[in-house]
Amino acid sequence: MFLNTDKLIQGFNFLIFRSECIINSYFSKNIPLNVPIVSSPMDTVTEANMAI
């Protein structure tokens, strides 16, 4: 939610290469996970076992 006091930044013109993207995450506070977990909020894509 944006309030009228928030700043809006416009005019980004840049190119990101796949090799420059950082998609790491953490399984816990000290355990890095170097595989991205990507899903969708659709019942045909993400079933209950994946969501839990």
PDB file of N, CA and C in Angstrom:
ATOM      1  N   MET A   1       0.848  -1.175   0.000  1.00  0.00           N
ATOM      2  CA  MET A   1       0.000   0.000   0.000  1.00  0.00           C
ATOM      3  C   MET A   1       0.894   1.240   0.000  1.00  0.00           C
ATOM      4  N   PHE A   2       0.615   2.141  -0.868  1.00  0.00           N
ATOM      5  CA  PHE A   2       1.390   3.370  -0.961  1.00  0.00           C
ATOM      6  C   PHE A   2       0.584   4.527  -0.379  1.00  0.00           C
ATOM      7  N   LEU A   3       1.253   5.341   0.367  1.00  0.00           N
ATOM      8  CA  LEU A   3       0.624   6.540   0.905  1.00  0.00           C
ATOM      9  C   LEU A   3       1.070   7.736   0.086  1.00  0.00           C
ATOM     10  N   ASN A   4       0.412   8.849   0.256  1.00  0.00           N
ATOM     11  CA  ASN A   4       0.784  10.027  -0.522  1.00  0.00           C
ATOM     12  C   ASN A   4       2.133  10.595  -0.087  1.00  0.00           C
ATOM     13  N   THR A   5       2.689  10.112   1.022  1.00  0.00           N
ATOM     14  CA  THR A   5       4.012  10.562   1.457  1.00  0.00           C
ATOM     15  C   THR A   5       5.130   9.694   0.882  1.00  0.00           C
ATOM     16  N   ASP A   6       4.762   8.577   0.252  1.00  0.00           N
ATOM     17  CA  ASP A   6       5.771   7.701  -0.345  1.00  0.00           C
ATOM     18  C   ASP A   6       6.334   8.338  -1.602  1.00  0.00           C
ATOM     19  N   LYS A   7       7.546   8.000  -1.897  1.00  0.00           N
ATOM     20  CA  LYS A   7       8.198   8.523  -3.088  1.00  0.00           C
ATOM     21  C   LYS A   7       7.979   7.571  -4.254  1.00  0.00           C
ATOM     22  N   LEU A   8       7.812   8.100  -5.411  1.00  0.00           N
ATOM     23  CA  LEU A   8       7.654   7.316  -6.627  1.00  0.00           C
ATOM     24  C   LEU A   8       8.870   7.555  -7.504  1.00  0.00           C
ATOM     25  N   ILE A   9       9.548   6.479  -7.838  1.00  0.00           N
ATOM     26  CA  ILE A   9      10.749   6.582  -8.667  1.00  0.00           C
ATOM     27  C   ILE A   9      10.375   6.163 -10.078  1.00  0.00           C
ATOM     28  N   GLN A  10      10.640   6.999 -11.031  1.00  0.00           N
ATOM     29  CA  GLN A  10      10.280   6.730 -12.414  1.00  0.00           C
ATOM     30  C   GLN A  10      11.519   6.795 -13.292  1.00  0.00           C
ATOM     31  N   GLY A  11      11.384   6.255 -14.480  1.00  0.00           N
ATOM     32  CA  GLY A  11      12.413   6.412 -15.483  1.00  0.00           C
ATOM     33  C   GLY A  11      13.578   5.453 -15.376  1.00  0.00           C
ATOM     34  N   PHE A  12      13.328   4.216 -15.014  1.00  0.00           N
ATOM     35  CA  PHE A  12      14.407   3.230 -14.998  1.00  0.00           C
ATOM     36  C   PHE A  12      14.647   2.726 -16.408  1.00  0.00           C
ATOM     37  N   ASN A  13      15.832   2.903 -16.887  1.00  0.00           N
ATOM     38  CA  ASN A  13      16.246   2.362 -18.178  1.00  0.00           C
ATOM     39  C   ASN A  13      17.523   1.573 -17.955  1.00  0.00           C
ATOM     40  N   PHE A  14      17.377   0.281 -17.760  1.00  0.00           N
ATOM     41  CA  PHE A  14      18.553  -0.543 -17.543  1.00  0.00           C
ATOM     42  C   PHE A  14      18.296  -1.932 -18.095  1.00  0.00           C
ATOM     43  N   LEU A  15      19.364  -2.669 -18.253  1.00  0.00           N
ATOM     44  CA  LEU A  15      19.315  -4.016 -18.809  1.00  0.00           C
ATOM     45  C   LEU A  15      19.966  -4.964 -17.819  1.00  0.00           C
ATOM     46  N   ILE A  16      19.258  -6.016 -17.453  1.00  0.00           N
ATOM     47  CA  ILE A  16      19.787  -7.007 -16.522  1.00  0.00           C
ATOM     48  C   ILE A  16      20.018  -8.298 -17.286  1.00  0.00           C
ATOM     49  N   PHE A  17      21.225  -8.817 -17.173  1.00  0.00           N
ATOM     50  CA  PHE A  17      21.547 -10.090 -17.796  1.00  0.00           C
ATOM     51  C   PHE A  17      21.228 -11.225 -16.832  1.00  0.00           C
ATOM     52  N   ARG A  18      20.947 -12.402 -17.375  1.00  0.00           N
ATOM     53  CA  ARG A  18      20.650 -13.553 -16.529  1.00  0.00           C
ATOM     54  C   ARG A  18      21.797 -13.878 -15.590  1.00  0.00           C
ATOM     55  N   SER A  19      23.018 -13.663 -16.025  1.00  0.00           N
ATOM     56  CA  SER A  19      24.174 -13.965 -15.177  1.00  0.00           C
ATOM     57  C   SER A  19      24.318 -12.977 -14.015  1.00  0.00           C
ATOM     58  N   GLU A  20      23.636 -11.844 -14.068  1.00  0.00           N
ATOM     59  CA  GLU A  20      23.723 -10.835 -13.016  1.00  0.00           C
ATOM     60  C   GLU A  20      22.618 -10.954 -11.978  1.00  0.00           C
ATOM     61  N   CYS A  21      21.626 -11.785 -12.219  1.00  0.00           N
ATOM     62  CA  CYS A  21      20.505 -11.928 -11.291  1.00  0.00           C
ATOM     63  C   CYS A  21      20.910 -12.788 -10.107  1.00  0.00           C
ATOM     64  N   ILE A  22      20.522 -12.367  -8.934  1.00  0.00           N
ATOM     65  CA  ILE A  22      20.777 -13.132  -7.719  1.00  0.00           C
ATOM     66  C   ILE A  22      19.442 -13.705  -7.255  1.00  0.00           C
ATOM     67  N   ILE A  23      19.330 -15.015  -7.288  1.00  0.00           N
ATOM     68  CA  ILE A  23      18.068 -15.667  -6.943  1.00  0.00           C
ATOM     69  C   ILE A  23      18.222 -16.571  -5.726  1.00  0.00           C
ATOM     70  N   ASN A  24      19.265 -16.350  -4.936  1.00  0.00           N
ATOM     71  CA  ASN A  24      19.490 -17.151  -3.743  1.00  0.00           C
ATOM     72  C   ASN A  24      18.452 -16.812  -2.686  1.00  0.00           C
ATOM     73  N   SER A  25      18.197 -17.771  -1.818  1.00  0.00           N
ATOM     74  CA  SER A  25      17.341 -17.549  -0.670  1.00  0.00           C
ATOM     75  C   SER A  25      17.901 -18.362   0.484  1.00  0.00           C
ATOM     76  N   TYR A  26      17.232 -18.352   1.605  1.00  0.00           N
ATOM     77  CA  TYR A  26      17.699 -19.086   2.775  1.00  0.00           C
ATOM     78  C   TYR A  26      16.639 -20.073   3.225  1.00  0.00           C
ATOM     79  N   PHE A  27      17.075 -21.322   3.486  1.00  0.00           N
ATOM     80  CA  PHE A  27      16.202 -22.353   4.036  1.00  0.00           C
ATOM     81  C   PHE A  27      15.943 -22.072   5.506  1.00  0.00           C
ATOM     82  N   SER A  28      16.964 -21.611   6.195  1.00  0.00           N
ATOM     83  CA  SER A  28      16.870 -21.152   7.574  1.00  0.00           C
ATOM     84  C   SER A  28      17.829 -19.974   7.727  1.00  0.00           C
ATOM     85  N   LYS A  29      18.028 -19.523   8.947  1.00  0.00           N
ATOM     86  CA  LYS A  29      18.868 -18.342   9.158  1.00  0.00           C
ATOM     87  C   LYS A  29      20.302 -18.558   8.688  1.00  0.00           C
ATOM     88  N   ASN A  30      20.826 -19.773   8.831  1.00  0.00           N
ATOM     89  CA  ASN A  30      22.225 -20.037   8.506  1.00  0.00           C
ATOM     90  C   ASN A  30      22.424 -21.006   7.350  1.00  0.00           C
ATOM     91  N   ILE A  31      21.354 -21.455   6.718  1.00  0.00           N
ATOM     92  CA  ILE A  31      21.465 -22.429   5.633  1.00  0.00           C
ATOM     93  C   ILE A  31      21.010 -21.786   4.326  1.00  0.00           C
ATOM     94  N   PRO A  32      21.974 -21.470   3.443  1.00  0.00           N
ATOM     95  CA  PRO A  32      21.584 -20.870   2.158  1.00  0.00           C
ATOM     96  C   PRO A  32      20.988 -21.911   1.218  1.00  0.00           C
ATOM     97  N   LEU A  33      20.090 -21.477   0.386  1.00  0.00           N
ATOM     98  CA  LEU A  33      19.465 -22.322  -0.621  1.00  0.00           C
ATOM     99  C   LEU A  33      19.721 -21.659  -1.966  1.00  0.00           C
ATOM    100  N   ASN A  34      20.525 -22.286  -2.802  1.00  0.00           N
ATOM    101  CA  ASN A  34      20.919 -21.685  -4.072  1.00  0.00           C
ATOM    102  C   ASN A  34      20.030 -22.107  -5.231  1.00  0.00           C
ATOM    103  N   VAL A  35      18.860 -22.608  -4.918  1.00  0.00           N
ATOM    104  CA  VAL A  35      17.889 -22.997  -5.936  1.00  0.00           C
ATOM    105  C   VAL A  35      16.639 -22.152  -5.706  1.00  0.00           C
ATOM    106  N   PRO A  36      16.169 -21.445  -6.694  1.00  0.00           N
ATOM    107  CA  PRO A  36      14.979 -20.620  -6.483  1.00  0.00           C
ATOM    108  C   PRO A  36      13.727 -21.481  -6.335  1.00  0.00           C
ATOM    109  N   ILE A  37      12.830 -21.044  -5.494  1.00  0.00           N
ATOM    110  CA  ILE A  37      11.530 -21.693  -5.356  1.00  0.00           C
ATOM    111  C   ILE A  37      10.509 -20.741  -5.957  1.00  0.00           C
ATOM    112  N   VAL A  38       9.946 -21.144  -7.062  1.00  0.00           N
ATOM    113  CA  VAL A  38       8.999 -20.298  -7.781  1.00  0.00           C
ATOM    114  C   VAL A  38       7.725 -21.088  -7.983  1.00  0.00           C
ATOM    115  N   SER A  39       6.620 -20.459  -7.752  1.00  0.00           N
ATOM    116  CA  SER A  39       5.345 -21.123  -7.948  1.00  0.00           C
ATOM    117  C   SER A  39       4.314 -20.084  -8.369  1.00  0.00           C
ATOM    118  N   SER A  40       3.070 -20.477  -8.328  1.00  0.00           N
ATOM    119  CA  SER A  40       1.996 -19.596  -8.747  1.00  0.00           C
ATOM    120  C   SER A  40       0.815 -19.779  -7.802  1.00  0.00           C
ATOM    121  N   PRO A  41       0.018 -18.748  -7.580  1.00  0.00           N
ATOM    122  CA  PRO A  41      -1.150 -18.889  -6.714  1.00  0.00           C
ATOM    123  C   PRO A  41      -2.342 -19.528  -7.433  1.00  0.00           C
ATOM    124  N   MET A  42      -2.071 -20.524  -8.251  1.00  0.00           N
ATOM    125  CA  MET A  42      -3.125 -21.232  -8.987  1.00  0.00           C
ATOM    126  C   MET A  42      -3.179 -22.666  -8.485  1.00  0.00           C
ATOM    127  N   ASP A  43      -4.374 -23.204  -8.272  1.00  0.00           N
ATOM    128  CA  ASP A  43      -4.500 -24.559  -7.752  1.00  0.00           C
ATOM    129  C   ASP A  43      -4.015 -25.612  -8.734  1.00  0.00           C
ATOM    130  N   THR A  44      -3.939 -25.294 -10.011  1.00  0.00           N
ATOM    131  CA  THR A  44      -3.447 -26.262 -10.989  1.00  0.00           C
ATOM    132  C   THR A  44      -1.926 -26.260 -11.086  1.00  0.00           C
ATOM    133  N   VAL A  45      -1.272 -25.252 -10.509  1.00  0.00           N
ATOM    134  CA  VAL A  45       0.185 -25.158 -10.542  1.00  0.00           C
ATOM    135  C   VAL A  45       0.780 -25.526  -9.188  1.00  0.00           C
ATOM    136  N   THR A  46       0.237 -24.956  -8.121  1.00  0.00           N
ATOM    137  CA  THR A  46       0.722 -25.203  -6.767  1.00  0.00           C
ATOM    138  C   THR A  46      -0.319 -26.004  -6.012  1.00  0.00           C
ATOM    139  N   GLU A  47       0.014 -27.258  -5.705  1.00  0.00           N
ATOM    140  CA  GLU A  47      -0.909 -28.088  -4.942  1.00  0.00           C
ATOM    141  C   GLU A  47      -0.647 -27.906  -3.456  1.00  0.00           C
ATOM    142  N   ALA A  48      -1.463 -28.498  -2.619  1.00  0.00           N
ATOM    143  CA  ALA A  48      -1.386 -28.303  -1.169  1.00  0.00           C
ATOM    144  C   ALA A  48      -0.043 -28.718  -0.595  1.00  0.00           C
ATOM    145  N   ASN A  49       0.546 -29.808  -1.075  1.00  0.00           N
ATOM    146  CA  ASN A  49       1.828 -30.268  -0.527  1.00  0.00           C
ATOM    147  C   ASN A  49       2.937 -29.249  -0.745  1.00  0.00           C
ATOM    148  N   MET A  50       2.936 -28.565  -1.849  1.00  0.00           N
ATOM    149  CA  MET A  50       3.961 -27.554  -2.121  1.00  0.00           C
ATOM    150  C   MET A  50       3.701 -26.298  -1.291  1.00  0.00           C
ATOM    151  N   ALA A  51       2.458 -25.929  -1.126  1.00  0.00           N
ATOM    152  CA  ALA A  51       2.113 -24.701  -0.420  1.00  0.00           C
ATOM    153  C   ALA A  51       2.356 -24.801   1.076  1.00  0.00           C
ATOM    154  N   ILE A  52       2.264 -25.996   1.614  1.00  0.00           N
ATOM    155  CA  ILE A  52       2.453 -26.176   3.062  1.00  0.00           C
ATOM    156  C   ILE A  52       3.862 -26.423   3.298  1.00  0.00           C
TER     157      ILE A  52
END
